[in-house]
Amino acid sequence: MVKQPVTVNGVVRWRDVGLTEDARRDQKERKMVVLRHEIGDVLRDVRQRQGRTLREVSHNARVSLGYLSEVERGQKEASSELLSSICGALDVPLSLMLREVSDRVAIAEGVDIPDTVPSELASQFGSVMNGQWPEGLANGLASSR
């Protein structure tokens, strides 16, 4: 996609050039992502995969059952402390839950998520897989012991 300046009544604006009509329509029709909905969906999916009830998780997280239900339905914005408590009750790291949310948001936005390790990273750490540590890593591990 390329941007070109367009002057209208003496005001310069930038316009996308090179997009097909379908691509322009897709950009306009893309639905807005509501973060609390995605967070709630992920929390509910995790809880249900574990076969646990709302009551059990709310008790372990020390959150009211009604409030947890509203968080799962995307009706309430949960604080970071509350999310940490819920994730603790589900035995799931907060970072892992947020990564799943991030992946869902990226998909909704039409962003490609690479499913492979970038070649630069693979070449840098490939020797680790063969039993040979890169010098910086080997020194860091030796000093941490």
N, C-alpha and C. Protein backbone atom coordinates (compact mmCIF):
# COMPACT_ATOMS: atom_id res chain seq x y z
N MET A 1 0.86 -1.16 0.00
CA MET A 1 0.00 0.00 0.00
C MET A 1 0.90 1.22 0.00
N VAL A 2 0.55 2.21 -0.79
CA VAL A 2 1.32 3.44 -0.93
C VAL A 2 0.41 4.60 -0.60
N LYS A 3 0.97 5.60 0.06
CA LYS A 3 0.21 6.81 0.38
C LYS A 3 0.69 7.92 -0.54
N GLN A 4 -0.25 8.69 -1.06
CA GLN A 4 0.08 9.84 -1.91
C GLN A 4 -0.63 11.07 -1.36
N PRO A 5 0.05 12.24 -1.45
CA PRO A 5 -0.61 13.46 -0.99
C PRO A 5 -1.68 13.91 -1.97
N VAL A 6 -2.80 14.34 -1.43
CA VAL A 6 -3.89 14.88 -2.23
C VAL A 6 -4.28 16.21 -1.61
N THR A 7 -4.36 17.27 -2.44
CA THR A 7 -4.71 18.59 -1.93
C THR A 7 -6.17 18.87 -2.24
N VAL A 8 -6.92 19.19 -1.18
CA VAL A 8 -8.33 19.54 -1.33
C VAL A 8 -8.53 20.88 -0.60
N ASN A 9 -8.91 21.90 -1.35
CA ASN A 9 -9.12 23.25 -0.80
C ASN A 9 -7.90 23.74 -0.02
N GLY A 10 -6.72 23.46 -0.55
CA GLY A 10 -5.50 23.93 0.08
C GLY A 10 -5.02 23.09 1.25
N VAL A 11 -5.74 22.04 1.58
CA VAL A 11 -5.35 21.16 2.69
C VAL A 11 -4.79 19.87 2.10
N VAL A 12 -3.59 19.51 2.53
CA VAL A 12 -2.96 18.28 2.03
C VAL A 12 -3.39 17.12 2.92
N ARG A 13 -3.88 16.09 2.27
CA ARG A 13 -4.25 14.86 2.97
C ARG A 13 -3.55 13.70 2.27
N TRP A 14 -3.37 12.62 3.01
CA TRP A 14 -2.73 11.44 2.43
C TRP A 14 -3.78 10.40 2.10
N ARG A 15 -3.65 9.81 0.90
CA ARG A 15 -4.64 8.86 0.41
C ARG A 15 -3.93 7.56 0.05
N ASP A 16 -4.59 6.44 0.38
CA ASP A 16 -4.04 5.13 0.01
C ASP A 16 -4.18 4.93 -1.48
N VAL A 17 -3.10 4.52 -2.12
CA VAL A 17 -3.09 4.26 -3.56
C VAL A 17 -2.61 2.83 -3.75
N GLY A 18 -3.18 2.14 -4.68
CA GLY A 18 -2.72 0.79 -4.96
C GLY A 18 -3.57 -0.28 -4.30
N LEU A 19 -4.57 0.10 -3.55
CA LEU A 19 -5.46 -0.89 -2.95
C LEU A 19 -6.61 -1.17 -3.91
N THR A 20 -6.98 -2.41 -4.00
CA THR A 20 -8.14 -2.75 -4.81
C THR A 20 -9.40 -2.29 -4.07
N GLU A 21 -10.48 -2.22 -4.78
CA GLU A 21 -11.74 -1.81 -4.16
C GLU A 21 -12.14 -2.78 -3.04
N ASP A 22 -11.88 -4.09 -3.23
CA ASP A 22 -12.19 -5.08 -2.19
C ASP A 22 -11.37 -4.83 -0.92
N ALA A 23 -10.10 -4.48 -1.09
CA ALA A 23 -9.24 -4.23 0.07
C ALA A 23 -9.72 -3.00 0.83
N ARG A 24 -10.12 -1.97 0.09
CA ARG A 24 -10.63 -0.76 0.75
C ARG A 24 -11.91 -1.07 1.52
N ARG A 25 -12.79 -1.86 0.92
CA ARG A 25 -14.05 -2.22 1.57
C ARG A 25 -13.77 -3.07 2.81
N ASP A 26 -12.80 -4.00 2.71
CA ASP A 26 -12.46 -4.83 3.87
C ASP A 26 -11.95 -3.99 5.03
N GLN A 27 -11.15 -2.94 4.71
CA GLN A 27 -10.66 -2.07 5.77
C GLN A 27 -11.81 -1.36 6.46
N LYS A 28 -12.79 -0.91 5.71
CA LYS A 28 -13.91 -0.19 6.29
C LYS A 28 -14.86 -1.11 7.05
N GLU A 29 -15.02 -2.35 6.56
CA GLU A 29 -16.00 -3.26 7.15
C GLU A 29 -15.44 -4.06 8.32
N ARG A 30 -14.13 -3.99 8.56
CA ARG A 30 -13.52 -4.74 9.65
C ARG A 30 -14.18 -4.35 10.97
N LYS A 31 -14.61 -5.34 11.72
CA LYS A 31 -15.31 -5.04 12.97
C LYS A 31 -14.34 -4.56 14.04
N MET A 32 -14.85 -3.74 14.93
CA MET A 32 -14.05 -3.25 16.03
C MET A 32 -13.89 -4.38 17.05
N VAL A 33 -12.66 -4.53 17.55
CA VAL A 33 -12.38 -5.55 18.54
C VAL A 33 -12.54 -4.94 19.93
N VAL A 34 -13.34 -5.58 20.76
CA VAL A 34 -13.52 -5.13 22.14
C VAL A 34 -12.69 -6.07 23.00
N LEU A 35 -11.67 -5.52 23.63
CA LEU A 35 -10.71 -6.32 24.38
C LEU A 35 -11.37 -7.11 25.51
N ARG A 36 -12.34 -6.52 26.20
CA ARG A 36 -12.97 -7.24 27.32
C ARG A 36 -13.73 -8.47 26.83
N HIS A 37 -14.25 -8.43 25.59
CA HIS A 37 -14.94 -9.60 25.03
C HIS A 37 -13.94 -10.72 24.78
N GLU A 38 -12.80 -10.36 24.20
CA GLU A 38 -11.77 -11.38 23.90
C GLU A 38 -11.22 -11.98 25.19
N ILE A 39 -10.96 -11.15 26.19
CA ILE A 39 -10.46 -11.65 27.47
C ILE A 39 -11.47 -12.60 28.10
N GLY A 40 -12.74 -12.21 28.09
CA GLY A 40 -13.79 -13.05 28.65
C GLY A 40 -13.91 -14.38 27.93
N ASP A 41 -13.83 -14.34 26.60
CA ASP A 41 -13.91 -15.58 25.81
C ASP A 41 -12.77 -16.53 26.14
N VAL A 42 -11.56 -15.98 26.27
CA VAL A 42 -10.40 -16.83 26.58
C VAL A 42 -10.54 -17.41 27.98
N LEU A 43 -10.94 -16.60 28.95
CA LEU A 43 -11.10 -17.12 30.31
C LEU A 43 -12.16 -18.21 30.37
N ARG A 44 -13.27 -18.00 29.68
CA ARG A 44 -14.33 -19.02 29.66
C ARG A 44 -13.84 -20.30 28.99
N ASP A 45 -13.12 -20.15 27.85
CA ASP A 45 -12.60 -21.34 27.16
C ASP A 45 -11.67 -22.15 28.06
N VAL A 46 -10.78 -21.46 28.76
CA VAL A 46 -9.84 -22.15 29.65
C VAL A 46 -10.61 -22.87 30.76
N ARG A 47 -11.54 -22.17 31.38
CA ARG A 47 -12.31 -22.77 32.48
C ARG A 47 -13.10 -23.99 32.00
N GLN A 48 -13.75 -23.88 30.86
CA GLN A 48 -14.55 -24.99 30.36
C GLN A 48 -13.68 -26.17 29.93
N ARG A 49 -12.51 -25.89 29.34
CA ARG A 49 -11.60 -26.98 28.97
C ARG A 49 -11.13 -27.75 30.20
N GLN A 50 -11.04 -27.05 31.32
CA GLN A 50 -10.64 -27.71 32.56
C GLN A 50 -11.81 -28.41 33.24
N GLY A 51 -13.02 -28.21 32.72
CA GLY A 51 -14.20 -28.84 33.30
C GLY A 51 -14.57 -28.26 34.66
N ARG A 52 -14.27 -26.99 34.85
CA ARG A 52 -14.53 -26.35 36.15
C ARG A 52 -15.74 -25.43 36.05
N THR A 53 -16.38 -25.22 37.19
CA THR A 53 -17.57 -24.38 37.23
C THR A 53 -17.19 -22.94 37.58
N LEU A 54 -18.08 -22.03 37.25
CA LEU A 54 -17.90 -20.63 37.64
C LEU A 54 -17.77 -20.52 39.16
N ARG A 55 -18.58 -21.26 39.88
CA ARG A 55 -18.56 -21.21 41.34
C ARG A 55 -17.20 -21.60 41.89
N GLU A 56 -16.64 -22.67 41.37
CA GLU A 56 -15.34 -23.15 41.84
C GLU A 56 -14.24 -22.12 41.57
N VAL A 57 -14.20 -21.58 40.36
CA VAL A 57 -13.16 -20.61 40.00
C VAL A 57 -13.35 -19.31 40.77
N SER A 58 -14.59 -18.86 40.91
CA SER A 58 -14.82 -17.61 41.64
C SER A 58 -14.40 -17.75 43.11
N HIS A 59 -14.64 -18.93 43.70
CA HIS A 59 -14.23 -19.17 45.08
C HIS A 59 -12.70 -19.13 45.20
N ASN A 60 -12.01 -19.84 44.30
CA ASN A 60 -10.55 -19.89 44.35
C ASN A 60 -9.90 -18.54 44.04
N ALA A 61 -10.55 -17.76 43.18
CA ALA A 61 -10.01 -16.44 42.81
C ALA A 61 -10.43 -15.36 43.80
N ARG A 62 -11.33 -15.71 44.71
CA ARG A 62 -11.88 -14.75 45.68
C ARG A 62 -12.55 -13.58 44.96
N VAL A 63 -13.39 -13.94 43.99
CA VAL A 63 -14.17 -12.98 43.20
C VAL A 63 -15.61 -13.46 43.25
N SER A 64 -16.54 -12.52 43.31
CA SER A 64 -17.94 -12.95 43.35
C SER A 64 -18.30 -13.68 42.06
N LEU A 65 -19.18 -14.65 42.19
CA LEU A 65 -19.60 -15.45 41.05
C LEU A 65 -20.21 -14.57 39.98
N GLY A 66 -21.05 -13.62 40.37
CA GLY A 66 -21.69 -12.73 39.41
C GLY A 66 -20.70 -11.88 38.66
N TYR A 67 -19.68 -11.39 39.36
CA TYR A 67 -18.69 -10.54 38.71
C TYR A 67 -17.86 -11.35 37.72
N LEU A 68 -17.45 -12.57 38.13
CA LEU A 68 -16.69 -13.43 37.22
C LEU A 68 -17.52 -13.75 35.97
N SER A 69 -18.79 -13.99 36.16
CA SER A 69 -19.68 -14.25 35.03
C SER A 69 -19.72 -13.06 34.08
N GLU A 70 -19.79 -11.85 34.64
CA GLU A 70 -19.83 -10.65 33.81
C GLU A 70 -18.50 -10.44 33.07
N VAL A 71 -17.40 -10.78 33.72
CA VAL A 71 -16.09 -10.68 33.05
C VAL A 71 -16.03 -11.66 31.88
N GLU A 72 -16.48 -12.89 32.11
CA GLU A 72 -16.46 -13.90 31.04
C GLU A 72 -17.37 -13.52 29.88
N ARG A 73 -18.45 -12.83 30.16
CA ARG A 73 -19.37 -12.40 29.09
C ARG A 73 -18.95 -11.09 28.44
N GLY A 74 -17.85 -10.51 28.92
CA GLY A 74 -17.34 -9.28 28.34
C GLY A 74 -18.14 -8.06 28.75
N GLN A 75 -18.87 -8.15 29.84
CA GLN A 75 -19.67 -7.02 30.29
C GLN A 75 -18.93 -6.13 31.27
N LYS A 76 -17.87 -6.66 31.89
CA LYS A 76 -17.07 -5.89 32.85
C LYS A 76 -15.62 -5.89 32.41
N GLU A 77 -14.95 -4.74 32.60
CA GLU A 77 -13.51 -4.60 32.38
C GLU A 77 -12.82 -5.06 33.64
N ALA A 78 -12.02 -6.09 33.56
CA ALA A 78 -11.33 -6.61 34.73
C ALA A 78 -9.99 -5.90 34.90
N SER A 79 -9.65 -5.58 36.14
CA SER A 79 -8.35 -4.96 36.43
C SER A 79 -7.25 -6.01 36.27
N SER A 80 -6.02 -5.55 36.20
CA SER A 80 -4.90 -6.49 36.08
C SER A 80 -4.81 -7.37 37.33
N GLU A 81 -5.12 -6.82 38.49
CA GLU A 81 -5.09 -7.61 39.72
C GLU A 81 -6.14 -8.71 39.69
N LEU A 82 -7.33 -8.36 39.21
CA LEU A 82 -8.40 -9.35 39.12
C LEU A 82 -8.06 -10.43 38.10
N LEU A 83 -7.53 -10.03 36.96
CA LEU A 83 -7.14 -11.02 35.94
C LEU A 83 -6.06 -11.94 36.49
N SER A 84 -5.12 -11.40 37.24
CA SER A 84 -4.07 -12.21 37.84
C SER A 84 -4.67 -13.22 38.82
N SER A 85 -5.64 -12.80 39.60
CA SER A 85 -6.29 -13.68 40.55
C SER A 85 -7.06 -14.79 39.84
N ILE A 86 -7.77 -14.44 38.78
CA ILE A 86 -8.54 -15.44 38.02
C ILE A 86 -7.60 -16.43 37.36
N CYS A 87 -6.52 -15.92 36.74
CA CYS A 87 -5.56 -16.82 36.10
C CYS A 87 -4.90 -17.73 37.13
N GLY A 88 -4.63 -17.20 38.33
CA GLY A 88 -4.08 -18.03 39.40
C GLY A 88 -5.02 -19.14 39.78
N ALA A 89 -6.31 -18.83 39.85
CA ALA A 89 -7.31 -19.84 40.19
C ALA A 89 -7.43 -20.90 39.10
N LEU A 90 -7.15 -20.50 37.86
CA LEU A 90 -7.22 -21.43 36.73
C LEU A 90 -5.88 -22.14 36.49
N ASP A 91 -4.86 -21.81 37.29
CA ASP A 91 -3.52 -22.37 37.11
C ASP A 91 -2.98 -22.12 35.70
N VAL A 92 -3.22 -20.91 35.21
CA VAL A 92 -2.74 -20.50 33.89
C VAL A 92 -1.96 -19.20 34.06
N PRO A 93 -0.74 -19.12 33.53
CA PRO A 93 0.00 -17.87 33.65
C PRO A 93 -0.75 -16.73 32.95
N LEU A 94 -0.74 -15.56 33.58
CA LEU A 94 -1.39 -14.38 33.00
C LEU A 94 -0.84 -14.10 31.61
N SER A 95 0.47 -14.26 31.45
CA SER A 95 1.10 -13.99 30.15
C SER A 95 0.56 -14.91 29.05
N LEU A 96 0.30 -16.16 29.39
CA LEU A 96 -0.24 -17.11 28.42
C LEU A 96 -1.66 -16.73 28.02
N MET A 97 -2.46 -16.33 29.00
CA MET A 97 -3.82 -15.91 28.71
C MET A 97 -3.81 -14.67 27.81
N LEU A 98 -2.94 -13.71 28.14
CA LEU A 98 -2.86 -12.49 27.34
C LEU A 98 -2.32 -12.76 25.94
N ARG A 99 -1.44 -13.74 25.81
CA ARG A 99 -0.95 -14.10 24.48
C ARG A 99 -2.08 -14.65 23.62
N GLU A 100 -2.93 -15.49 24.21
CA GLU A 100 -4.09 -16.02 23.47
C GLU A 100 -5.02 -14.88 23.06
N VAL A 101 -5.24 -13.94 23.96
CA VAL A 101 -6.07 -12.77 23.64
C VAL A 101 -5.43 -12.00 22.49
N SER A 102 -4.12 -11.79 22.57
CA SER A 102 -3.40 -11.06 21.53
C SER A 102 -3.54 -11.75 20.17
N ASP A 103 -3.41 -13.06 20.15
CA ASP A 103 -3.56 -13.80 18.90
C ASP A 103 -4.97 -13.64 18.33
N ARG A 104 -5.98 -13.67 19.18
CA ARG A 104 -7.36 -13.50 18.72
C ARG A 104 -7.60 -12.10 18.16
N VAL A 105 -7.03 -11.10 18.81
CA VAL A 105 -7.18 -9.72 18.33
C VAL A 105 -6.48 -9.57 16.99
N ALA A 106 -5.28 -10.14 16.86
CA ALA A 106 -4.55 -10.07 15.60
C ALA A 106 -5.33 -10.70 14.46
N ILE A 107 -5.95 -11.83 14.73
CA ILE A 107 -6.76 -12.50 13.71
C ILE A 107 -7.95 -11.63 13.32
N ALA A 108 -8.60 -11.04 14.31
CA ALA A 108 -9.76 -10.17 14.02
C ALA A 108 -9.35 -8.94 13.22
N GLU A 109 -8.12 -8.47 13.43
CA GLU A 109 -7.63 -7.31 12.70
C GLU A 109 -7.06 -7.68 11.33
N GLY A 110 -6.96 -8.97 11.06
CA GLY A 110 -6.44 -9.41 9.78
C GLY A 110 -4.92 -9.40 9.71
N VAL A 111 -4.27 -9.43 10.87
CA VAL A 111 -2.81 -9.44 10.91
C VAL A 111 -2.34 -10.89 10.83
N ASP A 112 -1.34 -11.13 9.98
CA ASP A 112 -0.79 -12.47 9.87
C ASP A 112 0.08 -12.77 11.08
N ILE A 113 -0.15 -13.91 11.69
CA ILE A 113 0.63 -14.35 12.83
C ILE A 113 1.57 -15.45 12.32
N PRO A 114 2.89 -15.19 12.37
CA PRO A 114 3.79 -16.23 11.88
C PRO A 114 3.74 -17.46 12.77
N ASP A 115 3.72 -18.63 12.14
CA ASP A 115 3.67 -19.86 12.93
C ASP A 115 5.03 -20.56 12.92
N THR A 116 6.05 -19.84 12.46
CA THR A 116 7.40 -20.38 12.43
C THR A 116 8.34 -19.42 13.14
N VAL A 117 9.49 -19.92 13.47
CA VAL A 117 10.51 -19.08 14.09
C VAL A 117 11.21 -18.31 12.97
N PRO A 118 11.39 -16.99 13.12
CA PRO A 118 12.09 -16.23 12.09
C PRO A 118 13.49 -16.80 11.86
N SER A 119 13.96 -16.76 10.61
CA SER A 119 15.24 -17.39 10.26
C SER A 119 16.41 -16.81 11.04
N GLU A 120 16.37 -15.48 11.32
CA GLU A 120 17.47 -14.87 12.08
C GLU A 120 17.55 -15.49 13.47
N LEU A 121 16.40 -15.67 14.10
CA LEU A 121 16.37 -16.24 15.44
C LEU A 121 16.78 -17.71 15.40
N ALA A 122 16.32 -18.42 14.39
CA ALA A 122 16.65 -19.84 14.26
C ALA A 122 18.15 -20.02 14.07
N SER A 123 18.77 -19.17 13.25
CA SER A 123 20.21 -19.31 13.03
C SER A 123 20.99 -18.94 14.27
N GLN A 124 20.52 -17.95 15.02
CA GLN A 124 21.20 -17.52 16.23
C GLN A 124 21.15 -18.60 17.30
N PHE A 125 20.00 -19.25 17.45
CA PHE A 125 19.83 -20.23 18.51
C PHE A 125 19.84 -21.67 18.00
N GLY A 126 20.08 -21.86 16.72
CA GLY A 126 20.13 -23.21 16.17
C GLY A 126 21.23 -24.04 16.77
N SER A 127 22.36 -23.40 17.09
CA SER A 127 23.48 -24.15 17.67
C SER A 127 23.14 -24.67 19.06
N VAL A 128 22.20 -24.02 19.74
CA VAL A 128 21.78 -24.50 21.06
C VAL A 128 21.14 -25.87 20.92
N MET A 129 20.39 -26.05 19.86
CA MET A 129 19.71 -27.32 19.65
C MET A 129 20.72 -28.43 19.35
N ASN A 130 21.89 -28.06 18.82
CA ASN A 130 22.92 -29.06 18.51
C ASN A 130 23.90 -29.25 19.65
N GLY A 131 23.59 -28.68 20.81
CA GLY A 131 24.45 -28.85 21.97
C GLY A 131 25.57 -27.83 22.06
N GLN A 132 25.61 -26.87 21.16
CA GLN A 132 26.65 -25.85 21.18
C GLN A 132 26.01 -24.53 21.55
N TRP A 133 26.39 -23.96 22.67
CA TRP A 133 25.80 -22.72 23.14
C TRP A 133 26.52 -21.53 22.54
N PRO A 134 25.79 -20.52 22.07
CA PRO A 134 26.45 -19.29 21.65
C PRO A 134 27.22 -18.72 22.83
N GLU A 135 28.36 -18.04 22.55
CA GLU A 135 29.25 -17.59 23.61
C GLU A 135 28.54 -16.75 24.66
N GLY A 136 27.70 -15.81 24.26
CA GLY A 136 27.00 -14.95 25.21
C GLY A 136 26.09 -15.74 26.14
N LEU A 137 25.40 -16.72 25.57
CA LEU A 137 24.52 -17.54 26.40
C LEU A 137 25.30 -18.45 27.33
N ALA A 138 26.37 -19.02 26.83
CA ALA A 138 27.17 -19.91 27.65
C ALA A 138 27.75 -19.14 28.84
N ASN A 139 28.26 -17.94 28.60
CA ASN A 139 28.82 -17.13 29.68
C ASN A 139 27.74 -16.74 30.67
N GLY A 140 26.57 -16.37 30.17
CA GLY A 140 25.47 -15.98 31.05
C GLY A 140 25.00 -17.11 31.93
N LEU A 141 24.96 -18.32 31.36
CA LEU A 141 24.54 -19.48 32.14
C LEU A 141 25.59 -19.84 33.18
N ALA A 142 26.86 -19.73 32.80
CA ALA A 142 27.93 -20.09 33.73
C ALA A 142 27.95 -19.13 34.92
N SER A 143 27.70 -17.86 34.65
CA SER A 143 27.74 -16.87 35.75
C SER A 143 26.51 -16.98 36.64
N SER A 144 25.41 -17.52 36.13
CA SER A 144 24.19 -17.61 36.94
C SER A 144 24.19 -18.84 37.83
N ARG A 145 25.16 -19.74 37.63
CA ARG A 145 25.19 -20.96 38.43
C ARG A 145 25.83 -20.76 39.75
